[in-house]
Amino acid sequence: MSTYIIQGDKLSFTLSHRFNRFSGKFERKLKATFYYQAELYENFSVRDTKVRRMLSGQYPDAGASDKIVTLLKGDHYFLCVGLGASFGVQKNHYKSVLTVFDFDGYLQNNYA
């Protein structure tokens, strides 16, 4: 896995609570979307426990429409993103937001 620290633009999170037909139950998922160097990056799994903890009460009800949320400080965040090894014919990658850092340490001080 390769990791990068970037400052993305227009960071948002999509919270979903969808039925997983393989497990037979509803599952919550948290995905990040952002721009980096004017290119859109979508559907990054969020692994940061601070962000997951902060947004835990905002998931939609089971089966309801996805909910998109932004953080209060706009674009004042750094992201540590991870890209897994490529797989498949189209050279896809597993991609994750591993950590979200803010400039004043609020996330680290209040949700770590």
PDB file of N, CA and C in Angstrom:
ATOM      1  N   MET A   1       0.842  -1.170   0.000  1.00  0.00           N
ATOM      2  CA  MET A   1       0.000   0.000   0.000  1.00  0.00           C
ATOM      3  C   MET A   1       0.891   1.237   0.000  1.00  0.00           C
ATOM      4  N   SER A   2       0.509   2.211  -0.786  1.00  0.00           N
ATOM      5  CA  SER A   2       1.175   3.512  -0.806  1.00  0.00           C
ATOM      6  C   SER A   2       0.325   4.498  -0.038  1.00  0.00           C
ATOM      7  N   THR A   3       0.960   5.359   0.735  1.00  0.00           N
ATOM      8  CA  THR A   3       0.234   6.384   1.477  1.00  0.00           C
ATOM      9  C   THR A   3       0.724   7.760   1.053  1.00  0.00           C
ATOM     10  N   TYR A   4      -0.203   8.712   1.060  1.00  0.00           N
ATOM     11  CA  TYR A   4       0.077  10.085   0.659  1.00  0.00           C
ATOM     12  C   TYR A   4      -0.631  11.025   1.620  1.00  0.00           C
ATOM     13  N   ILE A   5      -0.001  12.156   1.895  1.00  0.00           N
ATOM     14  CA  ILE A   5      -0.672  13.213   2.640  1.00  0.00           C
ATOM     15  C   ILE A   5      -0.945  14.340   1.667  1.00  0.00           C
ATOM     16  N   ILE A   6      -2.222  14.688   1.554  1.00  0.00           N
ATOM     17  CA  ILE A   6      -2.646  15.700   0.581  1.00  0.00           C
ATOM     18  C   ILE A   6      -3.592  16.688   1.253  1.00  0.00           C
ATOM     19  N   GLN A   7      -3.774  17.832   0.619  1.00  0.00           N
ATOM     20  CA  GLN A   7      -4.814  18.753   1.049  1.00  0.00           C
ATOM     21  C   GLN A   7      -5.867  18.772  -0.054  1.00  0.00           C
ATOM     22  N   GLY A   8      -6.967  18.072   0.190  1.00  0.00           N
ATOM     23  CA  GLY A   8      -8.043  18.010  -0.785  1.00  0.00           C
ATOM     24  C   GLY A   8      -8.961  19.218  -0.675  1.00  0.00           C
ATOM     25  N   ASP A   9      -9.750  19.433  -1.697  1.00  0.00           N
ATOM     26  CA  ASP A   9     -10.745  20.504  -1.728  1.00  0.00           C
ATOM     27  C   ASP A   9     -12.142  19.890  -1.712  1.00  0.00           C
ATOM     28  N   LYS A  10     -13.082  20.626  -1.163  1.00  0.00           N
ATOM     29  CA  LYS A  10     -14.496  20.227  -1.159  1.00  0.00           C
ATOM     30  C   LYS A  10     -14.699  18.825  -0.581  1.00  0.00           C
ATOM     31  N   LEU A  11     -14.077  18.561   0.544  1.00  0.00           N
ATOM     32  CA  LEU A  11     -14.196  17.269   1.216  1.00  0.00           C
ATOM     33  C   LEU A  11     -15.624  17.061   1.710  1.00  0.00           C
ATOM     34  N   SER A  12     -16.190  15.915   1.383  1.00  0.00           N
ATOM     35  CA  SER A  12     -17.510  15.547   1.909  1.00  0.00           C
ATOM     36  C   SER A  12     -17.509  14.060   2.220  1.00  0.00           C
ATOM     37  N   PHE A  13     -18.470  13.675   3.052  1.00  0.00           N
ATOM     38  CA  PHE A  13     -18.607  12.285   3.464  1.00  0.00           C
ATOM     39  C   PHE A  13     -20.010  11.810   3.140  1.00  0.00           C
ATOM     40  N   THR A  14     -20.111  10.608   2.600  1.00  0.00           N
ATOM     41  CA  THR A  14     -21.401   9.987   2.322  1.00  0.00           C
ATOM     42  C   THR A  14     -21.614   8.877   3.333  1.00  0.00           C
ATOM     43  N   LEU A  15     -22.685   9.012   4.104  1.00  0.00           N
ATOM     44  CA  LEU A  15     -23.050   8.015   5.103  1.00  0.00           C
ATOM     45  C   LEU A  15     -24.206   7.199   4.549  1.00  0.00           C
ATOM     46  N   SER A  16     -24.071   5.889   4.547  1.00  0.00           N
ATOM     47  CA  SER A  16     -25.137   5.025   4.042  1.00  0.00           C
ATOM     48  C   SER A  16     -25.449   3.938   5.062  1.00  0.00           C
ATOM     49  N   HIS A  17     -26.659   3.405   4.945  1.00  0.00           N
ATOM     50  CA  HIS A  17     -27.103   2.316   5.827  1.00  0.00           C
ATOM     51  C   HIS A  17     -27.941   1.378   4.950  1.00  0.00           C
ATOM     52  N   ARG A  18     -27.242   0.594   4.144  1.00  0.00           N
ATOM     53  CA  ARG A  18     -27.872  -0.229   3.111  1.00  0.00           C
ATOM     54  C   ARG A  18     -27.879  -1.712   3.482  1.00  0.00           C
ATOM     55  N   PHE A  19     -28.791  -2.416   2.837  1.00  0.00           N
ATOM     56  CA  PHE A  19     -28.886  -3.858   3.037  1.00  0.00           C
ATOM     57  C   PHE A  19     -27.786  -4.549   2.245  1.00  0.00           C
ATOM     58  N   ASN A  20     -27.056  -5.427   2.904  1.00  0.00           N
ATOM     59  CA  ASN A  20     -26.023  -6.220   2.260  1.00  0.00           C
ATOM     60  C   ASN A  20     -26.591  -7.611   2.022  1.00  0.00           C
ATOM     61  N   ARG A  21     -26.826  -7.937   0.771  1.00  0.00           N
ATOM     62  CA  ARG A  21     -27.471  -9.219   0.474  1.00  0.00           C
ATOM     63  C   ARG A  21     -26.585 -10.412   0.786  1.00  0.00           C
ATOM     64  N   PHE A  22     -25.269 -10.205   0.883  1.00  0.00           N
ATOM     65  CA  PHE A  22     -24.373 -11.315   1.217  1.00  0.00           C
ATOM     66  C   PHE A  22     -24.413 -11.640   2.701  1.00  0.00           C
ATOM     67  N   SER A  23     -24.443 -10.601   3.545  1.00  0.00           N
ATOM     68  CA  SER A  23     -24.481 -10.844   4.995  1.00  0.00           C
ATOM     69  C   SER A  23     -25.917 -10.988   5.509  1.00  0.00           C
ATOM     70  N   GLY A  24     -26.896 -10.514   4.717  1.00  0.00           N
ATOM     71  CA  GLY A  24     -28.291 -10.609   5.114  1.00  0.00           C
ATOM     72  C   GLY A  24     -28.717  -9.586   6.149  1.00  0.00           C
ATOM     73  N   LYS A  25     -27.946  -8.489   6.279  1.00  0.00           N
ATOM     74  CA  LYS A  25     -28.316  -7.456   7.248  1.00  0.00           C
ATOM     75  C   LYS A  25     -27.918  -6.072   6.734  1.00  0.00           C
ATOM     76  N   PHE A  26     -28.435  -5.044   7.394  1.00  0.00           N
ATOM     77  CA  PHE A  26     -28.085  -3.680   7.042  1.00  0.00           C
ATOM     78  C   PHE A  26     -26.699  -3.349   7.586  1.00  0.00           C
ATOM     79  N   GLU A  27     -25.922  -2.600   6.785  1.00  0.00           N
ATOM     80  CA  GLU A  27     -24.575  -2.215   7.185  1.00  0.00           C
ATOM     81  C   GLU A  27     -24.368  -0.731   6.938  1.00  0.00           C
ATOM     82  N   ARG A  28     -23.672  -0.103   7.869  1.00  0.00           N
ATOM     83  CA  ARG A  28     -23.318   1.306   7.720  1.00  0.00           C
ATOM     84  C   ARG A  28     -21.984   1.419   6.994  1.00  0.00           C
ATOM     85  N   LYS A  29     -21.912   2.384   6.072  1.00  0.00           N
ATOM     86  CA  LYS A  29     -20.667   2.644   5.353  1.00  0.00           C
ATOM     87  C   LYS A  29     -20.413   4.144   5.346  1.00  0.00           C
ATOM     88  N   LEU A  30     -19.141   4.492   5.352  1.00  0.00           N
ATOM     89  CA  LEU A  30     -18.721   5.882   5.327  1.00  0.00           C
ATOM     90  C   LEU A  30     -17.691   6.043   4.221  1.00  0.00           C
ATOM     91  N   LYS A  31     -18.001   6.885   3.244  1.00  0.00           N
ATOM     92  CA  LYS A  31     -17.125   7.110   2.092  1.00  0.00           C
ATOM     93  C   LYS A  31     -16.798   8.594   1.983  1.00  0.00           C
ATOM     94  N   ALA A  32     -15.600   8.892   1.489  1.00  0.00           N
ATOM     95  CA  ALA A  32     -15.166  10.283   1.306  1.00  0.00           C
ATOM     96  C   ALA A  32     -15.087  10.623  -0.173  1.00  0.00           C
ATOM     97  N   THR A  33     -15.371  11.889  -0.453  1.00  0.00           N
ATOM     98  CA  THR A  33     -15.245  12.451  -1.793  1.00  0.00           C
ATOM     99  C   THR A  33     -14.509  13.779  -1.653  1.00  0.00           C
ATOM    100  N   PHE A  34     -13.584  14.056  -2.575  1.00  0.00           N
ATOM    101  CA  PHE A  34     -12.841  15.310  -2.525  1.00  0.00           C
ATOM    102  C   PHE A  34     -12.213  15.572  -3.888  1.00  0.00           C
ATOM    103  N   TYR A  35     -11.763  16.793  -4.066  1.00  0.00           N
ATOM    104  CA  TYR A  35     -10.997  17.163  -5.251  1.00  0.00           C
ATOM    105  C   TYR A  35      -9.535  17.294  -4.838  1.00  0.00           C
ATOM    106  N   TYR A  36      -8.660  16.878  -5.728  1.00  0.00           N
ATOM    107  CA  TYR A  36      -7.231  17.076  -5.522  1.00  0.00           C
ATOM    108  C   TYR A  36      -6.633  17.446  -6.867  1.00  0.00           C
ATOM    109  N   GLN A  37      -5.975  18.583  -6.903  1.00  0.00           N
ATOM    110  CA  GLN A  37      -5.410  19.128  -8.139  1.00  0.00           C
ATOM    111  C   GLN A  37      -6.462  19.146  -9.245  1.00  0.00           C
ATOM    112  N   ALA A  38      -7.645  19.643  -8.897  1.00  0.00           N
ATOM    113  CA  ALA A  38      -8.780  19.848  -9.805  1.00  0.00           C
ATOM    114  C   ALA A  38      -9.386  18.547 -10.349  1.00  0.00           C
ATOM    115  N   GLU A  39      -9.012  17.396  -9.800  1.00  0.00           N
ATOM    116  CA  GLU A  39      -9.589  16.115 -10.216  1.00  0.00           C
ATOM    117  C   GLU A  39     -10.442  15.552  -9.082  1.00  0.00           C
ATOM    118  N   LEU A  40     -11.616  15.027  -9.434  1.00  0.00           N
ATOM    119  CA  LEU A  40     -12.532  14.472  -8.455  1.00  0.00           C
ATOM    120  C   LEU A  40     -12.134  13.056  -8.063  1.00  0.00           C
ATOM    121  N   TYR A  41     -12.097  12.822  -6.744  1.00  0.00           N
ATOM    122  CA  TYR A  41     -11.830  11.489  -6.194  1.00  0.00           C
ATOM    123  C   TYR A  41     -13.042  11.101  -5.359  1.00  0.00           C
ATOM    124  N   GLU A  42     -13.611   9.934  -5.647  1.00  0.00           N
ATOM    125  CA  GLU A  42     -14.845   9.512  -4.995  1.00  0.00           C
ATOM    126  C   GLU A  42     -14.701   8.115  -4.397  1.00  0.00           C
ATOM    127  N   ASN A  43     -15.599   7.840  -3.470  1.00  0.00           N
ATOM    128  CA  ASN A  43     -15.782   6.477  -2.969  1.00  0.00           C
ATOM    129  C   ASN A  43     -14.572   5.930  -2.203  1.00  0.00           C
ATOM    130  N   PHE A  44     -13.872   6.800  -1.473  1.00  0.00           N
ATOM    131  CA  PHE A  44     -12.777   6.360  -0.630  1.00  0.00           C
ATOM    132  C   PHE A  44     -13.356   5.877   0.695  1.00  0.00           C
ATOM    133  N   SER A  45     -13.075   4.664   1.093  1.00  0.00           N
ATOM    134  CA  SER A  45     -13.498   4.181   2.407  1.00  0.00           C
ATOM    135  C   SER A  45     -12.810   5.010   3.477  1.00  0.00           C
ATOM    136  N   VAL A  46     -13.551   5.357   4.526  1.00  0.00           N
ATOM    137  CA  VAL A  46     -12.978   6.154   5.615  1.00  0.00           C
ATOM    138  C   VAL A  46     -12.615   5.215   6.766  1.00  0.00           C
ATOM    139  N   ARG A  47     -11.338   5.160   7.087  1.00  0.00           N
ATOM    140  CA  ARG A  47     -10.834   4.293   8.153  1.00  0.00           C
ATOM    141  C   ARG A  47     -10.501   5.074   9.424  1.00  0.00           C
ATOM    142  N   ASP A  48     -10.564   6.383   9.361  1.00  0.00           N
ATOM    143  CA  ASP A  48     -10.197   7.234  10.496  1.00  0.00           C
ATOM    144  C   ASP A  48     -11.231   7.095  11.613  1.00  0.00           C
ATOM    145  N   THR A  49     -10.804   6.548  12.747  1.00  0.00           N
ATOM    146  CA  THR A  49     -11.746   6.325  13.855  1.00  0.00           C
ATOM    147  C   THR A  49     -12.262   7.634  14.441  1.00  0.00           C
ATOM    148  N   LYS A  50     -11.476   8.707  14.343  1.00  0.00           N
ATOM    149  CA  LYS A  50     -11.948  10.001  14.856  1.00  0.00           C
ATOM    150  C   LYS A  50     -13.151  10.480  14.056  1.00  0.00           C
ATOM    151  N   VAL A  51     -13.052  10.427  12.753  1.00  0.00           N
ATOM    152  CA  VAL A  51     -14.146  10.880  11.890  1.00  0.00           C
ATOM    153  C   VAL A  51     -15.345   9.945  12.039  1.00  0.00           C
ATOM    154  N   ARG A  52     -15.089   8.658  12.091  1.00  0.00           N
ATOM    155  CA  ARG A  52     -16.185   7.690  12.260  1.00  0.00           C
ATOM    156  C   ARG A  52     -16.922   7.948  13.573  1.00  0.00           C
ATOM    157  N   ARG A  53     -16.173   8.226  14.638  1.00  0.00           N
ATOM    158  CA  ARG A  53     -16.780   8.509  15.942  1.00  0.00           C
ATOM    159  C   ARG A  53     -17.586   9.810  15.889  1.00  0.00           C
ATOM    160  N   MET A  54     -17.018  10.840  15.257  1.00  0.00           N
ATOM    161  CA  MET A  54     -17.676  12.133  15.174  1.00  0.00           C
ATOM    162  C   MET A  54     -18.991  12.055  14.398  1.00  0.00           C
ATOM    163  N   LEU A  55     -19.028  11.245  13.341  1.00  0.00           N
ATOM    164  CA  LEU A  55     -20.217  11.162  12.483  1.00  0.00           C
ATOM    165  C   LEU A  55     -21.147  10.004  12.857  1.00  0.00           C
ATOM    166  N   SER A  56     -20.843   9.255  13.889  1.00  0.00           N
ATOM    167  CA  SER A  56     -21.590   8.030  14.203  1.00  0.00           C
ATOM    168  C   SER A  56     -23.085   8.273  14.438  1.00  0.00           C
ATOM    169  N   GLY A  57     -23.473   9.408  14.948  1.00  0.00           N
ATOM    170  CA  GLY A  57     -24.881   9.694  15.202  1.00  0.00           C
ATOM    171  C   GLY A  57     -25.621  10.287  14.011  1.00  0.00           C
ATOM    172  N   GLN A  58     -24.955  10.403  12.856  1.00  0.00           N
ATOM    173  CA  GLN A  58     -25.567  11.063  11.707  1.00  0.00           C
ATOM    174  C   GLN A  58     -25.945  10.118  10.573  1.00  0.00           C
ATOM    175  N   TYR A  59     -25.768   8.824  10.758  1.00  0.00           N
ATOM    176  CA  TYR A  59     -26.132   7.868   9.701  1.00  0.00           C
ATOM    177  C   TYR A  59     -27.642   7.895   9.469  1.00  0.00           C
ATOM    178  N   PRO A  60     -28.053   7.674   8.227  1.00  0.00           N
ATOM    179  CA  PRO A  60     -29.497   7.577   7.969  1.00  0.00           C
ATOM    180  C   PRO A  60     -30.059   6.294   8.579  1.00  0.00           C
ATOM    181  N   ASP A  61     -31.367   6.250   8.728  1.00  0.00           N
ATOM    182  CA  ASP A  61     -32.020   5.028   9.197  1.00  0.00           C
ATOM    183  C   ASP A  61     -31.792   3.911   8.182  1.00  0.00           C
ATOM    184  N   ALA A  62     -31.897   2.682   8.624  1.00  0.00           N
ATOM    185  CA  ALA A  62     -31.703   1.529   7.745  1.00  0.00           C
ATOM    186  C   ALA A  62     -32.619   1.627   6.531  1.00  0.00           C
ATOM    187  N   GLY A  63     -32.026   1.540   5.337  1.00  0.00           N
ATOM    188  CA  GLY A  63     -32.787   1.574   4.100  1.00  0.00           C
ATOM    189  C   GLY A  63     -33.099   2.968   3.575  1.00  0.00           C
ATOM    190  N   ALA A  64     -32.827   4.013   4.358  1.00  0.00           N
ATOM    191  CA  ALA A  64     -33.101   5.390   3.921  1.00  0.00           C
ATOM    192  C   ALA A  64     -32.026   5.840   2.926  1.00  0.00           C
ATOM    193  N   SER A  65     -32.270   6.966   2.277  1.00  0.00           N
ATOM    194  CA  SER A  65     -31.314   7.522   1.310  1.00  0.00           C
ATOM    195  C   SER A  65     -30.002   7.885   1.992  1.00  0.00           C
ATOM    196  N   ASP A  66     -28.927   7.829   1.222  1.00  0.00           N
ATOM    197  CA  ASP A  66     -27.610   8.214   1.732  1.00  0.00           C
ATOM    198  C   ASP A  66     -27.641   9.666   2.198  1.00  0.00           C
ATOM    199  N   LYS A  67     -26.769   9.982   3.121  1.00  0.00           N
ATOM    200  CA  LYS A  67     -26.671  11.340   3.655  1.00  0.00           C
ATOM    201  C   LYS A  67     -25.267  11.867   3.380  1.00  0.00           C
ATOM    202  N   ILE A  68     -25.173  13.068   2.814  1.00  0.00           N
ATOM    203  CA  ILE A  68     -23.890  13.692   2.531  1.00  0.00           C
ATOM    204  C   ILE A  68     -23.664  14.812   3.533  1.00  0.00           C
ATOM    205  N   VAL A  69     -22.497  14.788   4.182  1.00  0.00           N
ATOM    206  CA  VAL A  69     -22.165  15.811   5.168  1.00  0.00           C
ATOM    207  C   VAL A  69     -20.776  16.374   4.877  1.00  0.00           C
ATOM    208  N   THR A  70     -20.582  17.609   5.296  1.00  0.00           N
ATOM    209  CA  THR A  70     -19.272  18.244   5.217  1.00  0.00           C
ATOM    210  C   THR A  70     -18.843  18.618   6.625  1.00  0.00           C
ATOM    211  N   LEU A  71     -17.556  18.821   6.803  1.00  0.00           N
ATOM    212  CA  LEU A  71     -17.042  19.255   8.094  1.00  0.00           C
ATOM    213  C   LEU A  71     -17.075  20.783   8.152  1.00  0.00           C
ATOM    214  N   LEU A  72     -17.053  21.319   9.346  1.00  0.00           N
ATOM    215  CA  LEU A  72     -17.278  22.748   9.553  1.00  0.00           C
ATOM    216  C   LEU A  72     -16.186  23.656   9.005  1.00  0.00           C
ATOM    217  N   LYS A  73     -14.986  23.156   8.839  1.00  0.00           N
ATOM    218  CA  LYS A  73     -13.867  24.028   8.455  1.00  0.00           C
ATOM    219  C   LYS A  73     -13.594  24.045   6.955  1.00  0.00           C
ATOM    220  N   GLY A  74     -14.551  23.654   6.161  1.00  0.00           N
ATOM    221  CA  GLY A  74     -14.392  23.729   4.702  1.00  0.00           C
ATOM    222  C   GLY A  74     -13.214  22.926   4.205  1.00  0.00           C
ATOM    223  N   ASP A  75     -12.244  23.612   3.610  1.00  0.00           N
ATOM    224  CA  ASP A  75     -11.098  22.937   3.009  1.00  0.00           C
ATOM    225  C   ASP A  75      -9.855  22.981   3.894  1.00  0.00           C
ATOM    226  N   HIS A  76     -10.006  23.183   5.171  1.00  0.00           N
ATOM    227  CA  HIS A  76      -8.858  23.280   6.064  1.00  0.00           C
ATOM    228  C   HIS A  76      -8.531  21.935   6.702  1.00  0.00           C
ATOM    229  N   TYR A  77      -8.319  20.932   5.861  1.00  0.00           N
ATOM    230  CA  TYR A  77      -7.996  19.582   6.322  1.00  0.00           C
ATOM    231  C   TYR A  77      -6.916  18.977   5.437  1.00  0.00           C
ATOM    232  N   PHE A  78      -6.071  18.186   6.046  1.00  0.00           N
ATOM    233  CA  PHE A  78      -5.153  17.331   5.310  1.00  0.00           C
ATOM    234  C   PHE A  78      -5.689  15.912   5.400  1.00  0.00           C
ATOM    235  N   LEU A  79      -5.468  15.136   4.365  1.00  0.00           N
ATOM    236  CA  LEU A  79      -5.898  13.745   4.325  1.00  0.00           C
ATOM    237  C   LEU A  79      -4.684  12.849   4.146  1.00  0.00           C
ATOM    238  N   CYS A  80      -4.628  11.785   4.914  1.00  0.00           N
ATOM    239  CA  CYS A  80      -3.673  10.719   4.660  1.00  0.00           C
ATOM    240  C   CYS A  80      -4.472   9.651   3.922  1.00  0.00           C
ATOM    241  N   VAL A  81      -4.145   9.451   2.650  1.00  0.00           N
ATOM    242  CA  VAL A  81      -4.885   8.486   1.839  1.00  0.00           C
ATOM    243  C   VAL A  81      -3.990   7.290   1.525  1.00  0.00           C
ATOM    244  N   GLY A  82      -4.610   6.136   1.446  1.00  0.00           N
ATOM    245  CA  GLY A  82      -3.896   4.914   1.121  1.00  0.00           C
ATOM    246  C   GLY A  82      -4.429   4.319  -0.168  1.00  0.00           C
ATOM    247  N   LEU A  83      -3.529   3.875  -1.010  1.00  0.00           N
ATOM    248  CA  LEU A  83      -3.890   3.200  -2.258  1.00  0.00           C
ATOM    249  C   LEU A  83      -3.268   1.814  -2.244  1.00  0.00           C
ATOM    250  N   GLY A  84      -4.115   0.811  -2.322  1.00  0.00           N
ATOM    251  CA  GLY A  84      -3.636  -0.565  -2.349  1.00  0.00           C
ATOM    252  C   GLY A  84      -3.074  -0.929  -3.711  1.00  0.00           C
ATOM    253  N   ALA A  85      -2.487  -2.084  -3.800  1.00  0.00           N
ATOM    254  CA  ALA A  85      -1.948  -2.576  -5.066  1.00  0.00           C
ATOM    255  C   ALA A  85      -3.068  -2.706  -6.096  1.00  0.00           C
ATOM    256  N   SER A  86      -2.728  -2.523  -7.355  1.00  0.00           N
ATOM    257  CA  SER A  86      -3.737  -2.619  -8.412  1.00  0.00           C
ATOM    258  C   SER A  86      -4.183  -4.064  -8.575  1.00  0.00           C
ATOM    259  N   PHE A  87      -5.432  -4.209  -9.008  1.00  0.00           N
ATOM    260  CA  PHE A  87      -5.967  -5.543  -9.249  1.00  0.00           C
ATOM    261  C   PHE A  87      -6.919  -5.482 -10.432  1.00  0.00           C
ATOM    262  N   GLY A  88      -7.139  -6.611 -11.070  1.00  0.00           N
ATOM    263  CA  GLY A  88      -8.071  -6.705 -12.188  1.00  0.00           C
ATOM    264  C   GLY A  88      -7.504  -6.157 -13.478  1.00  0.00           C
ATOM    265  N   VAL A  89      -8.248  -6.384 -14.526  1.00  0.00           N
ATOM    266  CA  VAL A  89      -7.833  -5.969 -15.864  1.00  0.00           C
ATOM    267  C   VAL A  89      -7.755  -4.447 -15.969  1.00  0.00           C
ATOM    268  N   GLN A  90      -8.661  -3.748 -15.274  1.00  0.00           N
ATOM    269  CA  GLN A  90      -8.707  -2.284 -15.368  1.00  0.00           C
ATOM    270  C   GLN A  90      -7.767  -1.607 -14.377  1.00  0.00           C
ATOM    271  N   LYS A  91      -6.970  -2.379 -13.660  1.00  0.00           N
ATOM    272  CA  LYS A  91      -6.000  -1.843 -12.696  1.00  0.00           C
ATOM    273  C   LYS A  91      -6.671  -0.981 -11.629  1.00  0.00           C
ATOM    274  N   ASN A  92      -7.743  -1.516 -11.046  1.00  0.00           N
ATOM    275  CA  ASN A  92      -8.411  -0.835  -9.941  1.00  0.00           C
ATOM    276  C   ASN A  92      -7.547  -0.891  -8.693  1.00  0.00           C
ATOM    277  N   HIS A  93      -7.862  -0.016  -7.731  1.00  0.00           N
ATOM    278  CA  HIS A  93      -7.141   0.028  -6.455  1.00  0.00           C
ATOM    279  C   HIS A  93      -8.145   0.098  -5.318  1.00  0.00           C
ATOM    280  N   TYR A  94      -7.822  -0.540  -4.198  1.00  0.00           N
ATOM    281  CA  TYR A  94      -8.546  -0.252  -2.970  1.00  0.00           C
ATOM    282  C   TYR A  94      -8.037   1.106  -2.511  1.00  0.00           C
ATOM    283  N   LYS A  95      -8.942   1.982  -2.113  1.00  0.00           N
ATOM    284  CA  LYS A  95      -8.538   3.333  -1.738  1.00  0.00           C
ATOM    285  C   LYS A  95      -9.239   3.739  -0.451  1.00  0.00           C
ATOM    286  N   SER A  96      -8.483   4.357   0.443  1.00  0.00           N
ATOM    287  CA  SER A  96      -8.997   4.684   1.762  1.00  0.00           C
ATOM    288  C   SER A  96      -8.485   6.043   2.224  1.00  0.00           C
ATOM    289  N   VAL A  97      -9.317   6.718   3.007  1.00  0.00           N
ATOM    290  CA  VAL A  97      -8.850   7.859   3.784  1.00  0.00           C
ATOM    291  C   VAL A  97      -8.489   7.285   5.146  1.00  0.00           C
ATOM    292  N   LEU A  98      -7.209   7.276   5.437  1.00  0.00           N
ATOM    293  CA  LEU A  98      -6.730   6.661   6.670  1.00  0.00           C
ATOM    294  C   LEU A  98      -6.852   7.613   7.857  1.00  0.00           C
ATOM    295  N   THR A  99      -6.572   8.900   7.633  1.00  0.00           N
ATOM    296  CA  THR A  99      -6.625   9.898   8.696  1.00  0.00           C
ATOM    297  C   THR A  99      -7.008  11.248   8.121  1.00  0.00           C
ATOM    298  N   VAL A 100      -7.770  12.010   8.890  1.00  0.00           N
ATOM    299  CA  VAL A 100      -8.098  13.394   8.557  1.00  0.00           C
ATOM    300  C   VAL A 100      -7.461  14.275   9.625  1.00  0.00           C
ATOM    301  N   PHE A 101      -6.646  15.237   9.197  1.00  0.00           N
ATOM    302  CA  PHE A 101      -6.003  16.177  10.109  1.00  0.00           C
ATOM    303  C   PHE A 101      -6.591  17.559   9.875  1.00  0.00           C
ATOM    304  N   ASP A 102      -6.887  18.267  10.936  1.00  0.00           N
ATOM    305  CA  ASP A 102      -7.296  19.660  10.789  1.00  0.00           C
ATOM    306  C   ASP A 102      -6.160  20.549  11.285  1.00  0.00           C
ATOM    307  N   PHE A 103      -6.226  21.839  10.934  1.00  0.00           N
ATOM    308  CA  PHE A 103      -5.132  22.755  11.212  1.00  0.00           C
ATOM    309  C   PHE A 103      -4.986  23.097  12.693  1.00  0.00           C
ATOM    310  N   ASP A 104      -6.063  23.067  13.443  1.00  0.00           N
ATOM    311  CA  ASP A 104      -5.972  23.473  14.851  1.00  0.00           C
ATOM    312  C   ASP A 104      -6.013  22.298  15.829  1.00  0.00           C
ATOM    313  N   GLY A 105      -6.080  21.077  15.340  1.00  0.00           N
ATOM    314  CA  GLY A 105      -6.041  19.910  16.212  1.00  0.00           C
ATOM    315  C   GLY A 105      -7.359  19.550  16.872  1.00  0.00           C
ATOM    316  N   TYR A 106      -8.455  20.175  16.457  1.00  0.00           N
ATOM    317  CA  TYR A 106      -9.749  19.921  17.091  1.00  0.00           C
ATOM    318  C   TYR A 106     -10.141  18.440  17.014  1.00  0.00           C
ATOM    319  N   LEU A 107     -10.039  17.843  15.831  1.00  0.00           N
ATOM    320  CA  LEU A 107     -10.408  16.424  15.687  1.00  0.00           C
ATOM    321  C   LEU A 107      -9.549  15.537  16.582  1.00  0.00           C
ATOM    322  N   GLN A 108      -8.244  15.796  16.579  1.00  0.00           N
ATOM    323  CA  GLN A 108      -7.337  14.975  17.371  1.00  0.00           C
ATOM    324  C   GLN A 108      -7.612  15.159  18.869  1.00  0.00           C
ATOM    325  N   ASN A 109      -7.905  16.378  19.290  1.00  0.00           N
ATOM    326  CA  ASN A 109      -8.119  16.651  20.722  1.00  0.00           C
ATOM    327  C   ASN A 109      -9.472  16.178  21.242  1.00  0.00           C
ATOM    328  N   ASN A 110     -10.495  16.156  20.394  1.00  0.00           N
ATOM    329  CA  ASN A 110     -11.831  15.862  20.863  1.00  0.00           C
ATOM    330  C   ASN A 110     -12.386  14.492  20.467  1.00  0.00           C
ATOM    331  N   TYR A 111     -11.774  13.825  19.487  1.00  0.00           N
ATOM    332  CA  TYR A 111     -12.337  12.551  19.038  1.00  0.00           C
ATOM    333  C   TYR A 111     -11.324  11.413  19.023  1.00  0.00           C
ATOM    334  N   ALA A 112     -10.091  11.676  19.399  1.00  0.00           N
ATOM    335  CA  ALA A 112      -9.058  10.621  19.390  1.00  0.00           C
ATOM    336  C   ALA A 112      -9.238   9.688  20.579  1.00  0.00           C
TER     337      ALA A 112
END
